[in-house]
Amino acid sequence: KIKTIAVIGANADDSVMLWANYNGFP
């Protein structure tokens, strides 16, 4: 029944944050 979801926060649209640590470069 849910039609929309709020995605909030500084990391919501940050692809580099997804790399975390010990990372290469995807």
mmCIF file of all heavy atoms, coordinates in Angstrom:
data_MODEL
# 
_entry.id   MODEL 
# 
loop_
_atom_site.group_PDB 
_atom_site.id 
_atom_site.type_symbol 
_atom_site.label_atom_id 
_atom_site.label_alt_id 
_atom_site.label_comp_id 
_atom_site.label_asym_id 
_atom_site.label_entity_id 
_atom_site.label_seq_id 
_atom_site.pdbx_PDB_ins_code 
_atom_site.Cartn_x 
_atom_site.Cartn_y 
_atom_site.Cartn_z 
_atom_site.occupancy 
_atom_site.B_iso_or_equiv 
_atom_site.pdbx_formal_charge 
_atom_site.auth_seq_id 
_atom_site.auth_comp_id 
_atom_site.auth_asym_id 
_atom_site.auth_atom_id 
_atom_site.pdbx_PDB_model_num 
ATOM 1   N N   . LYS A 1 1  ? 0.818  -1.207 0.000  1.00 0.00 ? 1  LYS A N   1 
ATOM 2   C CA  . LYS A 1 1  ? 0.000  0.000  0.000  1.00 0.00 ? 1  LYS A CA  1 
ATOM 3   C C   . LYS A 1 1  ? 0.861  1.271  0.000  1.00 0.00 ? 1  LYS A C   1 
ATOM 4   O O   . LYS A 1 1  ? 0.373  2.341  -0.355 1.00 0.00 ? 1  LYS A O   1 
ATOM 5   C CB  . LYS A 1 1  ? -0.919 0.013  1.227  1.00 0.00 ? 1  LYS A CB  1 
ATOM 6   C CG  . LYS A 1 1  ? -1.941 -1.106 1.221  1.00 0.00 ? 1  LYS A CG  1 
ATOM 7   C CD  . LYS A 1 1  ? -2.753 -1.090 2.502  1.00 0.00 ? 1  LYS A CD  1 
ATOM 8   C CE  . LYS A 1 1  ? -3.684 -2.281 2.546  1.00 0.00 ? 1  LYS A CE  1 
ATOM 9   N NZ  . LYS A 1 1  ? -4.422 -2.351 3.810  1.00 0.00 ? 1  LYS A NZ  1 
ATOM 10  N N   . ILE A 1 2  ? 2.116  1.156  0.397  1.00 0.00 ? 2  ILE A N   1 
ATOM 11  C CA  . ILE A 1 2  ? 3.005  2.327  0.427  1.00 0.00 ? 2  ILE A CA  1 
ATOM 12  C C   . ILE A 1 2  ? 3.340  2.727  -1.005 1.00 0.00 ? 2  ILE A C   1 
ATOM 13  O O   . ILE A 1 2  ? 3.763  1.915  -1.811 1.00 0.00 ? 2  ILE A O   1 
ATOM 14  C CB  . ILE A 1 2  ? 4.298  2.015  1.217  1.00 0.00 ? 2  ILE A CB  1 
ATOM 15  C CG1 . ILE A 1 2  ? 3.961  1.762  2.686  1.00 0.00 ? 2  ILE A CG1 1 
ATOM 16  C CG2 . ILE A 1 2  ? 5.320  3.145  1.071  1.00 0.00 ? 2  ILE A CG2 1 
ATOM 17  C CD1 . ILE A 1 2  ? 5.134  1.322  3.526  1.00 0.00 ? 2  ILE A CD1 1 
ATOM 18  N N   . LYS A 1 3  ? 3.133  3.988  -1.308 1.00 0.00 ? 3  LYS A N   1 
ATOM 19  C CA  . LYS A 1 3  ? 3.369  4.488  -2.675 1.00 0.00 ? 3  LYS A CA  1 
ATOM 20  C C   . LYS A 1 3  ? 4.672  5.282  -2.790 1.00 0.00 ? 3  LYS A C   1 
ATOM 21  O O   . LYS A 1 3  ? 5.238  5.392  -3.861 1.00 0.00 ? 3  LYS A O   1 
ATOM 22  C CB  . LYS A 1 3  ? 2.202  5.363  -3.142 1.00 0.00 ? 3  LYS A CB  1 
ATOM 23  C CG  . LYS A 1 3  ? 0.877  4.612  -3.192 1.00 0.00 ? 3  LYS A CG  1 
ATOM 24  C CD  . LYS A 1 3  ? 0.937  3.475  -4.182 1.00 0.00 ? 3  LYS A CD  1 
ATOM 25  C CE  . LYS A 1 3  ? -0.371 2.700  -4.171 1.00 0.00 ? 3  LYS A CE  1 
ATOM 26  N NZ  . LYS A 1 3  ? -0.245 1.333  -4.595 1.00 0.00 ? 3  LYS A NZ  1 
ATOM 27  N N   . THR A 1 4  ? 5.118  5.893  -1.680 1.00 0.00 ? 4  THR A N   1 
ATOM 28  C CA  . THR A 1 4  ? 6.362  6.662  -1.721 1.00 0.00 ? 4  THR A CA  1 
ATOM 29  C C   . THR A 1 4  ? 7.189  6.363  -0.477 1.00 0.00 ? 4  THR A C   1 
ATOM 30  O O   . THR A 1 4  ? 6.645  6.040  0.581  1.00 0.00 ? 4  THR A O   1 
ATOM 31  C CB  . THR A 1 4  ? 6.104  8.179  -1.792 1.00 0.00 ? 4  THR A CB  1 
ATOM 32  O OG1 . THR A 1 4  ? 5.344  8.560  -0.653 1.00 0.00 ? 4  THR A OG1 1 
ATOM 33  C CG2 . THR A 1 4  ? 5.379  8.560  -3.064 1.00 0.00 ? 4  THR A CG2 1 
ATOM 34  N N   . ILE A 1 5  ? 8.489  6.506  -0.618 1.00 0.00 ? 5  ILE A N   1 
ATOM 35  C CA  . ILE A 1 5  ? 9.408  6.310  0.496  1.00 0.00 ? 5  ILE A CA  1 
ATOM 36  C C   . ILE A 1 5  ? 10.360 7.497  0.512  1.00 0.00 ? 5  ILE A C   1 
ATOM 37  O O   . ILE A 1 5  ? 10.911 7.872  -0.534 1.00 0.00 ? 5  ILE A O   1 
ATOM 38  C CB  . ILE A 1 5  ? 10.225 5.005  0.325  1.00 0.00 ? 5  ILE A CB  1 
ATOM 39  C CG1 . ILE A 1 5  ? 9.300  3.788  0.325  1.00 0.00 ? 5  ILE A CG1 1 
ATOM 40  C CG2 . ILE A 1 5  ? 11.285 4.874  1.405  1.00 0.00 ? 5  ILE A CG2 1 
ATOM 41  C CD1 . ILE A 1 5  ? 10.008 2.486  0.010  1.00 0.00 ? 5  ILE A CD1 1 
ATOM 42  N N   . ALA A 1 6  ? 10.581 8.096  1.668  1.00 0.00 ? 6  ALA A N   1 
ATOM 43  C CA  . ALA A 1 6  ? 11.547 9.189  1.810  1.00 0.00 ? 6  ALA A CA  1 
ATOM 44  C C   . ALA A 1 6  ? 12.927 8.589  2.034  1.00 0.00 ? 6  ALA A C   1 
ATOM 45  O O   . ALA A 1 6  ? 13.117 7.754  2.924  1.00 0.00 ? 6  ALA A O   1 
ATOM 46  C CB  . ALA A 1 6  ? 11.168 10.084 2.984  1.00 0.00 ? 6  ALA A CB  1 
ATOM 47  N N   . VAL A 1 7  ? 13.876 8.962  1.211  1.00 0.00 ? 7  VAL A N   1 
ATOM 48  C CA  . VAL A 1 7  ? 15.264 8.547  1.380  1.00 0.00 ? 7  VAL A CA  1 
ATOM 49  C C   . VAL A 1 7  ? 16.016 9.802  1.794  1.00 0.00 ? 7  VAL A C   1 
ATOM 50  O O   . VAL A 1 7  ? 16.150 10.733 1.000  1.00 0.00 ? 7  VAL A O   1 
ATOM 51  C CB  . VAL A 1 7  ? 15.847 7.962  0.069  1.00 0.00 ? 7  VAL A CB  1 
ATOM 52  C CG1 . VAL A 1 7  ? 17.280 7.518  0.271  1.00 0.00 ? 7  VAL A CG1 1 
ATOM 53  C CG2 . VAL A 1 7  ? 14.979 6.798  -0.409 1.00 0.00 ? 7  VAL A CG2 1 
ATOM 54  N N   . ILE A 1 8  ? 16.484 9.833  3.036  1.00 0.00 ? 8  ILE A N   1 
ATOM 55  C CA  . ILE A 1 8  ? 17.067 11.060 3.564  1.00 0.00 ? 8  ILE A CA  1 
ATOM 56  C C   . ILE A 1 8  ? 18.464 10.796 4.119  1.00 0.00 ? 8  ILE A C   1 
ATOM 57  O O   . ILE A 1 8  ? 18.864 9.653  4.324  1.00 0.00 ? 8  ILE A O   1 
ATOM 58  C CB  . ILE A 1 8  ? 16.179 11.669 4.669  1.00 0.00 ? 8  ILE A CB  1 
ATOM 59  C CG1 . ILE A 1 8  ? 15.964 10.653 5.796  1.00 0.00 ? 8  ILE A CG1 1 
ATOM 60  C CG2 . ILE A 1 8  ? 14.849 12.112 4.105  1.00 0.00 ? 8  ILE A CG2 1 
ATOM 61  C CD1 . ILE A 1 8  ? 15.228 11.205 6.989  1.00 0.00 ? 8  ILE A CD1 1 
ATOM 62  N N   . GLY A 1 9  ? 19.186 11.881 4.340  1.00 0.00 ? 9  GLY A N   1 
ATOM 63  C CA  . GLY A 1 9  ? 20.512 11.788 4.941  1.00 0.00 ? 9  GLY A CA  1 
ATOM 64  C C   . GLY A 1 9  ? 21.605 12.093 3.942  1.00 0.00 ? 9  GLY A C   1 
ATOM 65  O O   . GLY A 1 9  ? 21.425 11.991 2.726  1.00 0.00 ? 9  GLY A O   1 
ATOM 66  N N   . ALA A 1 10 ? 22.738 12.474 4.487  1.00 0.00 ? 10 ALA A N   1 
ATOM 67  C CA  . ALA A 1 10 ? 23.875 12.902 3.658  1.00 0.00 ? 10 ALA A CA  1 
ATOM 68  C C   . ALA A 1 10 ? 24.393 11.788 2.756  1.00 0.00 ? 10 ALA A C   1 
ATOM 69  O O   . ALA A 1 10 ? 24.958 12.051 1.697  1.00 0.00 ? 10 ALA A O   1 
ATOM 70  C CB  . ALA A 1 10 ? 24.989 13.410 4.562  1.00 0.00 ? 10 ALA A CB  1 
ATOM 71  N N   . ASN A 1 11 ? 24.212 10.547 3.141  1.00 0.00 ? 11 ASN A N   1 
ATOM 72  C CA  . ASN A 1 11 ? 24.777 9.436  2.364  1.00 0.00 ? 11 ASN A CA  1 
ATOM 73  C C   . ASN A 1 11 ? 23.796 8.815  1.365  1.00 0.00 ? 11 ASN A C   1 
ATOM 74  O O   . ASN A 1 11 ? 24.157 7.899  0.644  1.00 0.00 ? 11 ASN A O   1 
ATOM 75  C CB  . ASN A 1 11 ? 25.284 8.344  3.305  1.00 0.00 ? 11 ASN A CB  1 
ATOM 76  C CG  . ASN A 1 11 ? 26.460 8.818  4.119  1.00 0.00 ? 11 ASN A CG  1 
ATOM 77  O OD1 . ASN A 1 11 ? 27.266 9.615  3.648  1.00 0.00 ? 11 ASN A OD1 1 
ATOM 78  N ND2 . ASN A 1 11 ? 26.551 8.340  5.341  1.00 0.00 ? 11 ASN A ND2 1 
ATOM 79  N N   . ALA A 1 12 ? 22.581 9.308  1.329  1.00 0.00 ? 12 ALA A N   1 
ATOM 80  C CA  . ALA A 1 12 ? 21.558 8.701  0.478  1.00 0.00 ? 12 ALA A CA  1 
ATOM 81  C C   . ALA A 1 12 ? 21.928 8.687  -0.998 1.00 0.00 ? 12 ALA A C   1 
ATOM 82  O O   . ALA A 1 12 ? 21.589 7.757  -1.723 1.00 0.00 ? 12 ALA A O   1 
ATOM 83  C CB  . ALA A 1 12 ? 20.220 9.417  0.665  1.00 0.00 ? 12 ALA A CB  1 
ATOM 84  N N   . ASP A 1 13 ? 22.608 9.730  -1.443 1.00 0.00 ? 13 ASP A N   1 
ATOM 85  C CA  . ASP A 1 13 ? 22.962 9.816  -2.857 1.00 0.00 ? 13 ASP A CA  1 
ATOM 86  C C   . ASP A 1 13 ? 24.479 9.947  -3.039 1.00 0.00 ? 13 ASP A C   1 
ATOM 87  O O   . ASP A 1 13 ? 24.952 10.559 -3.983 1.00 0.00 ? 13 ASP A O   1 
ATOM 88  C CB  . ASP A 1 13 ? 22.248 11.010 -3.503 1.00 0.00 ? 13 ASP A CB  1 
ATOM 89  C CG  . ASP A 1 13 ? 22.132 10.850 -5.017 1.00 0.00 ? 13 ASP A CG  1 
ATOM 90  O OD1 . ASP A 1 13 ? 22.124 9.701  -5.497 1.00 0.00 ? 13 ASP A OD1 1 
ATOM 91  O OD2 . ASP A 1 13 ? 22.064 11.873 -5.720 1.00 0.00 ? 13 ASP A OD2 1 
ATOM 92  N N   . ASP A 1 14 ? 25.241 9.339  -2.121 1.00 0.00 ? 14 ASP A N   1 
ATOM 93  C CA  . ASP A 1 14 ? 26.698 9.434  -2.132 1.00 0.00 ? 14 ASP A CA  1 
ATOM 94  C C   . ASP A 1 14 ? 27.289 8.073  -2.508 1.00 0.00 ? 14 ASP A C   1 
ATOM 95  O O   . ASP A 1 14 ? 27.331 7.162  -1.692 1.00 0.00 ? 14 ASP A O   1 
ATOM 96  C CB  . ASP A 1 14 ? 27.187 9.868  -0.752 1.00 0.00 ? 14 ASP A CB  1 
ATOM 97  C CG  . ASP A 1 14 ? 28.684 10.077 -0.680 1.00 0.00 ? 14 ASP A CG  1 
ATOM 98  O OD1 . ASP A 1 14 ? 29.395 9.727  -1.640 1.00 0.00 ? 14 ASP A OD1 1 
ATOM 99  O OD2 . ASP A 1 14 ? 29.146 10.598 0.347  1.00 0.00 ? 14 ASP A OD2 1 
ATOM 100 N N   . SER A 1 15 ? 27.749 7.967  -3.733 1.00 0.00 ? 15 SER A N   1 
ATOM 101 C CA  . SER A 1 15 ? 28.289 6.677  -4.185 1.00 0.00 ? 15 SER A CA  1 
ATOM 102 C C   . SER A 1 15 ? 29.625 6.355  -3.534 1.00 0.00 ? 15 SER A C   1 
ATOM 103 O O   . SER A 1 15 ? 29.934 5.198  -3.267 1.00 0.00 ? 15 SER A O   1 
ATOM 104 C CB  . SER A 1 15 ? 28.430 6.656  -5.706 1.00 0.00 ? 15 SER A CB  1 
ATOM 105 O OG  . SER A 1 15 ? 29.379 7.611  -6.128 1.00 0.00 ? 15 SER A OG  1 
ATOM 106 N N   . VAL A 1 16 ? 30.431 7.362  -3.225 1.00 0.00 ? 16 VAL A N   1 
ATOM 107 C CA  . VAL A 1 16 ? 31.739 7.113  -2.618 1.00 0.00 ? 16 VAL A CA  1 
ATOM 108 C C   . VAL A 1 16 ? 31.573 6.525  -1.216 1.00 0.00 ? 16 VAL A C   1 
ATOM 109 O O   . VAL A 1 16 ? 32.361 5.670  -0.787 1.00 0.00 ? 16 VAL A O   1 
ATOM 110 C CB  . VAL A 1 16 ? 32.592 8.401  -2.593 1.00 0.00 ? 16 VAL A CB  1 
ATOM 111 C CG1 . VAL A 1 16 ? 33.912 8.178  -1.871 1.00 0.00 ? 16 VAL A CG1 1 
ATOM 112 C CG2 . VAL A 1 16 ? 32.851 8.881  -4.016 1.00 0.00 ? 16 VAL A CG2 1 
ATOM 113 N N   . MET A 1 17 ? 30.541 6.950  -0.486 1.00 0.00 ? 17 MET A N   1 
ATOM 114 C CA  . MET A 1 17 ? 30.279 6.398  0.839  1.00 0.00 ? 17 MET A CA  1 
ATOM 115 C C   . MET A 1 17 ? 30.111 4.885  0.772  1.00 0.00 ? 17 MET A C   1 
ATOM 116 O O   . MET A 1 17 ? 30.497 4.163  1.686  1.00 0.00 ? 17 MET A O   1 
ATOM 117 C CB  . MET A 1 17 ? 29.018 7.064  1.419  1.00 0.00 ? 17 MET A CB  1 
ATOM 118 C CG  . MET A 1 17 ? 28.529 6.515  2.742  1.00 0.00 ? 17 MET A CG  1 
ATOM 119 S SD  . MET A 1 17 ? 27.485 5.027  2.718  1.00 0.00 ? 17 MET A SD  1 
ATOM 120 C CE  . MET A 1 17 ? 26.177 5.439  1.617  1.00 0.00 ? 17 MET A CE  1 
ATOM 121 N N   . LEU A 1 18 ? 29.575 4.386  -0.313 1.00 0.00 ? 18 LEU A N   1 
ATOM 122 C CA  . LEU A 1 18 ? 29.346 2.946  -0.457 1.00 0.00 ? 18 LEU A CA  1 
ATOM 123 C C   . LEU A 1 18 ? 30.648 2.150  -0.540 1.00 0.00 ? 18 LEU A C   1 
ATOM 124 O O   . LEU A 1 18 ? 30.654 0.952  -0.299 1.00 0.00 ? 18 LEU A O   1 
ATOM 125 C CB  . LEU A 1 18 ? 28.509 2.667  -1.714 1.00 0.00 ? 18 LEU A CB  1 
ATOM 126 C CG  . LEU A 1 18 ? 27.102 3.255  -1.717 1.00 0.00 ? 18 LEU A CG  1 
ATOM 127 C CD1 . LEU A 1 18 ? 26.472 3.073  -3.085 1.00 0.00 ? 18 LEU A CD1 1 
ATOM 128 C CD2 . LEU A 1 18 ? 26.252 2.594  -0.650 1.00 0.00 ? 18 LEU A CD2 1 
ATOM 129 N N   . TRP A 1 19 ? 31.735 2.813  -0.870 1.00 0.00 ? 19 TRP A N   1 
ATOM 130 C CA  . TRP A 1 19 ? 33.015 2.111  -0.978 1.00 0.00 ? 19 TRP A CA  1 
ATOM 131 C C   . TRP A 1 19 ? 33.520 1.666  0.383  1.00 0.00 ? 19 TRP A C   1 
ATOM 132 O O   . TRP A 1 19 ? 34.300 0.740  0.483  1.00 0.00 ? 19 TRP A O   1 
ATOM 133 C CB  . TRP A 1 19 ? 34.070 3.005  -1.619 1.00 0.00 ? 19 TRP A CB  1 
ATOM 134 C CG  . TRP A 1 19 ? 33.773 3.470  -3.001 1.00 0.00 ? 19 TRP A CG  1 
ATOM 135 C CD1 . TRP A 1 19 ? 32.687 3.154  -3.773 1.00 0.00 ? 19 TRP A CD1 1 
ATOM 136 C CD2 . TRP A 1 19 ? 34.545 4.373  -3.780 1.00 0.00 ? 19 TRP A CD2 1 
ATOM 137 N NE1 . TRP A 1 19 ? 32.753 3.803  -4.981 1.00 0.00 ? 19 TRP A NE1 1 
ATOM 138 C CE2 . TRP A 1 19 ? 33.889 4.559  -5.016 1.00 0.00 ? 19 TRP A CE2 1 
ATOM 139 C CE3 . TRP A 1 19 ? 35.730 5.049  -3.555 1.00 0.00 ? 19 TRP A CE3 1 
ATOM 140 C CZ2 . TRP A 1 19 ? 34.384 5.372  -6.011 1.00 0.00 ? 19 TRP A CZ2 1 
ATOM 141 C CZ3 . TRP A 1 19 ? 36.229 5.865  -4.547 1.00 0.00 ? 19 TRP A CZ3 1 
ATOM 142 C CH2 . TRP A 1 19 ? 35.563 6.020  -5.766 1.00 0.00 ? 19 TRP A CH2 1 
ATOM 143 N N   . ALA A 1 20 ? 33.097 2.368  1.437  1.00 0.00 ? 20 ALA A N   1 
ATOM 144 C CA  . ALA A 1 20 ? 33.543 2.096  2.806  1.00 0.00 ? 20 ALA A CA  1 
ATOM 145 C C   . ALA A 1 20 ? 35.050 2.242  2.880  1.00 0.00 ? 20 ALA A C   1 
ATOM 146 O O   . ALA A 1 20 ? 35.616 3.142  2.279  1.00 0.00 ? 20 ALA A O   1 
ATOM 147 C CB  . ALA A 1 20 ? 33.054 0.726  3.266  1.00 0.00 ? 20 ALA A CB  1 
ATOM 148 N N   . ASN A 1 21 ? 35.717 1.349  3.621  1.00 0.00 ? 21 ASN A N   1 
ATOM 149 C CA  . ASN A 1 21 ? 37.172 1.376  3.642  1.00 0.00 ? 21 ASN A CA  1 
ATOM 150 C C   . ASN A 1 21 ? 37.688 0.039  3.101  1.00 0.00 ? 21 ASN A C   1 
ATOM 151 O O   . ASN A 1 21 ? 36.906 -0.826 2.752  1.00 0.00 ? 21 ASN A O   1 
ATOM 152 C CB  . ASN A 1 21 ? 37.713 1.665  5.047  1.00 0.00 ? 21 ASN A CB  1 
ATOM 153 C CG  . ASN A 1 21 ? 37.130 0.758  6.106  1.00 0.00 ? 21 ASN A CG  1 
ATOM 154 O OD1 . ASN A 1 21 ? 36.398 -0.166 5.809  1.00 0.00 ? 21 ASN A OD1 1 
ATOM 155 N ND2 . ASN A 1 21 ? 37.450 1.025  7.349  1.00 0.00 ? 21 ASN A ND2 1 
ATOM 156 N N   . TYR A 1 22 ? 38.976 -0.099 3.005  1.00 0.00 ? 22 TYR A N   1 
ATOM 157 C CA  . TYR A 1 22 ? 39.609 -1.261 2.370  1.00 0.00 ? 22 TYR A CA  1 
ATOM 158 C C   . TYR A 1 22 ? 39.110 -1.395 0.931  1.00 0.00 ? 22 TYR A C   1 
ATOM 159 O O   . TYR A 1 22 ? 38.876 -2.488 0.437  1.00 0.00 ? 22 TYR A O   1 
ATOM 160 C CB  . TYR A 1 22 ? 39.320 -2.572 3.110  1.00 0.00 ? 22 TYR A CB  1 
ATOM 161 C CG  . TYR A 1 22 ? 39.584 -2.546 4.588  1.00 0.00 ? 22 TYR A CG  1 
ATOM 162 C CD1 . TYR A 1 22 ? 38.546 -2.548 5.502  1.00 0.00 ? 22 TYR A CD1 1 
ATOM 163 C CD2 . TYR A 1 22 ? 40.879 -2.531 5.072  1.00 0.00 ? 22 TYR A CD2 1 
ATOM 164 C CE1 . TYR A 1 22 ? 38.791 -2.535 6.862  1.00 0.00 ? 22 TYR A CE1 1 
ATOM 165 C CE2 . TYR A 1 22 ? 41.125 -2.517 6.425  1.00 0.00 ? 22 TYR A CE2 1 
ATOM 166 C CZ  . TYR A 1 22 ? 40.080 -2.524 7.318  1.00 0.00 ? 22 TYR A CZ  1 
ATOM 167 O OH  . TYR A 1 22 ? 40.323 -2.511 8.653  1.00 0.00 ? 22 TYR A OH  1 
ATOM 168 N N   . ASN A 1 23 ? 38.890 -0.287 0.273  1.00 0.00 ? 23 ASN A N   1 
ATOM 169 C CA  . ASN A 1 23 ? 38.235 -0.343 -1.024 1.00 0.00 ? 23 ASN A CA  1 
ATOM 170 C C   . ASN A 1 23 ? 39.201 -0.174 -2.183 1.00 0.00 ? 23 ASN A C   1 
ATOM 171 O O   . ASN A 1 23 ? 40.283 0.380  -2.042 1.00 0.00 ? 23 ASN A O   1 
ATOM 172 C CB  . ASN A 1 23 ? 37.174 0.757  -1.120 1.00 0.00 ? 23 ASN A CB  1 
ATOM 173 C CG  . ASN A 1 23 ? 37.785 2.142  -1.080 1.00 0.00 ? 23 ASN A CG  1 
ATOM 174 O OD1 . ASN A 1 23 ? 38.151 2.611  -0.016 1.00 0.00 ? 23 ASN A OD1 1 
ATOM 175 N ND2 . ASN A 1 23 ? 37.909 2.781  -2.233 1.00 0.00 ? 23 ASN A ND2 1 
ATOM 176 N N   . GLY A 1 24 ? 38.753 -0.645 -3.333 1.00 0.00 ? 24 GLY A N   1 
ATOM 177 C CA  . GLY A 1 24 ? 39.365 -0.305 -4.596 1.00 0.00 ? 24 GLY A CA  1 
ATOM 178 C C   . GLY A 1 24 ? 38.516 0.798  -5.197 1.00 0.00 ? 24 GLY A C   1 
ATOM 179 O O   . GLY A 1 24 ? 37.840 1.547  -4.474 1.00 0.00 ? 24 GLY A O   1 
ATOM 180 N N   . PHE A 1 25 ? 38.524 0.879  -6.510 1.00 0.00 ? 25 PHE A N   1 
ATOM 181 C CA  . PHE A 1 25 ? 37.740 1.901  -7.190 1.00 0.00 ? 25 PHE A CA  1 
ATOM 182 C C   . PHE A 1 25 ? 36.797 1.209  -8.160 1.00 0.00 ? 25 PHE A C   1 
ATOM 183 O O   . PHE A 1 25 ? 37.209 0.796  -9.239 1.00 0.00 ? 25 PHE A O   1 
ATOM 184 C CB  . PHE A 1 25 ? 38.668 2.897  -7.902 1.00 0.00 ? 25 PHE A CB  1 
ATOM 185 C CG  . PHE A 1 25 ? 39.559 3.607  -6.928 1.00 0.00 ? 25 PHE A CG  1 
ATOM 186 C CD1 . PHE A 1 25 ? 40.855 3.165  -6.705 1.00 0.00 ? 25 PHE A CD1 1 
ATOM 187 C CD2 . PHE A 1 25 ? 39.093 4.696  -6.212 1.00 0.00 ? 25 PHE A CD2 1 
ATOM 188 C CE1 . PHE A 1 25 ? 41.676 3.801  -5.789 1.00 0.00 ? 25 PHE A CE1 1 
ATOM 189 C CE2 . PHE A 1 25 ? 39.901 5.341  -5.288 1.00 0.00 ? 25 PHE A CE2 1 
ATOM 190 C CZ  . PHE A 1 25 ? 41.197 4.892  -5.076 1.00 0.00 ? 25 PHE A CZ  1 
ATOM 191 N N   . PRO A 1 26 ? 35.535 1.049  -7.771 1.00 0.00 ? 26 PRO A N   1 
ATOM 192 C CA  . PRO A 1 26 ? 34.579 0.318  -8.611 1.00 0.00 ? 26 PRO A CA  1 
ATOM 193 C C   . PRO A 1 26 ? 34.289 1.054  -9.907 1.00 0.00 ? 26 PRO A C   1 
ATOM 194 O O   . PRO A 1 26 ? 34.341 2.285  -9.959 1.00 0.00 ? 26 PRO A O   1 
ATOM 195 C CB  . PRO A 1 26 ? 33.324 0.234  -7.732 1.00 0.00 ? 26 PRO A CB  1 
ATOM 196 C CG  . PRO A 1 26 ? 33.442 1.369  -6.789 1.00 0.00 ? 26 PRO A CG  1 
ATOM 197 C CD  . PRO A 1 26 ? 34.906 1.580  -6.558 1.00 0.00 ? 26 PRO A CD  1 
# 
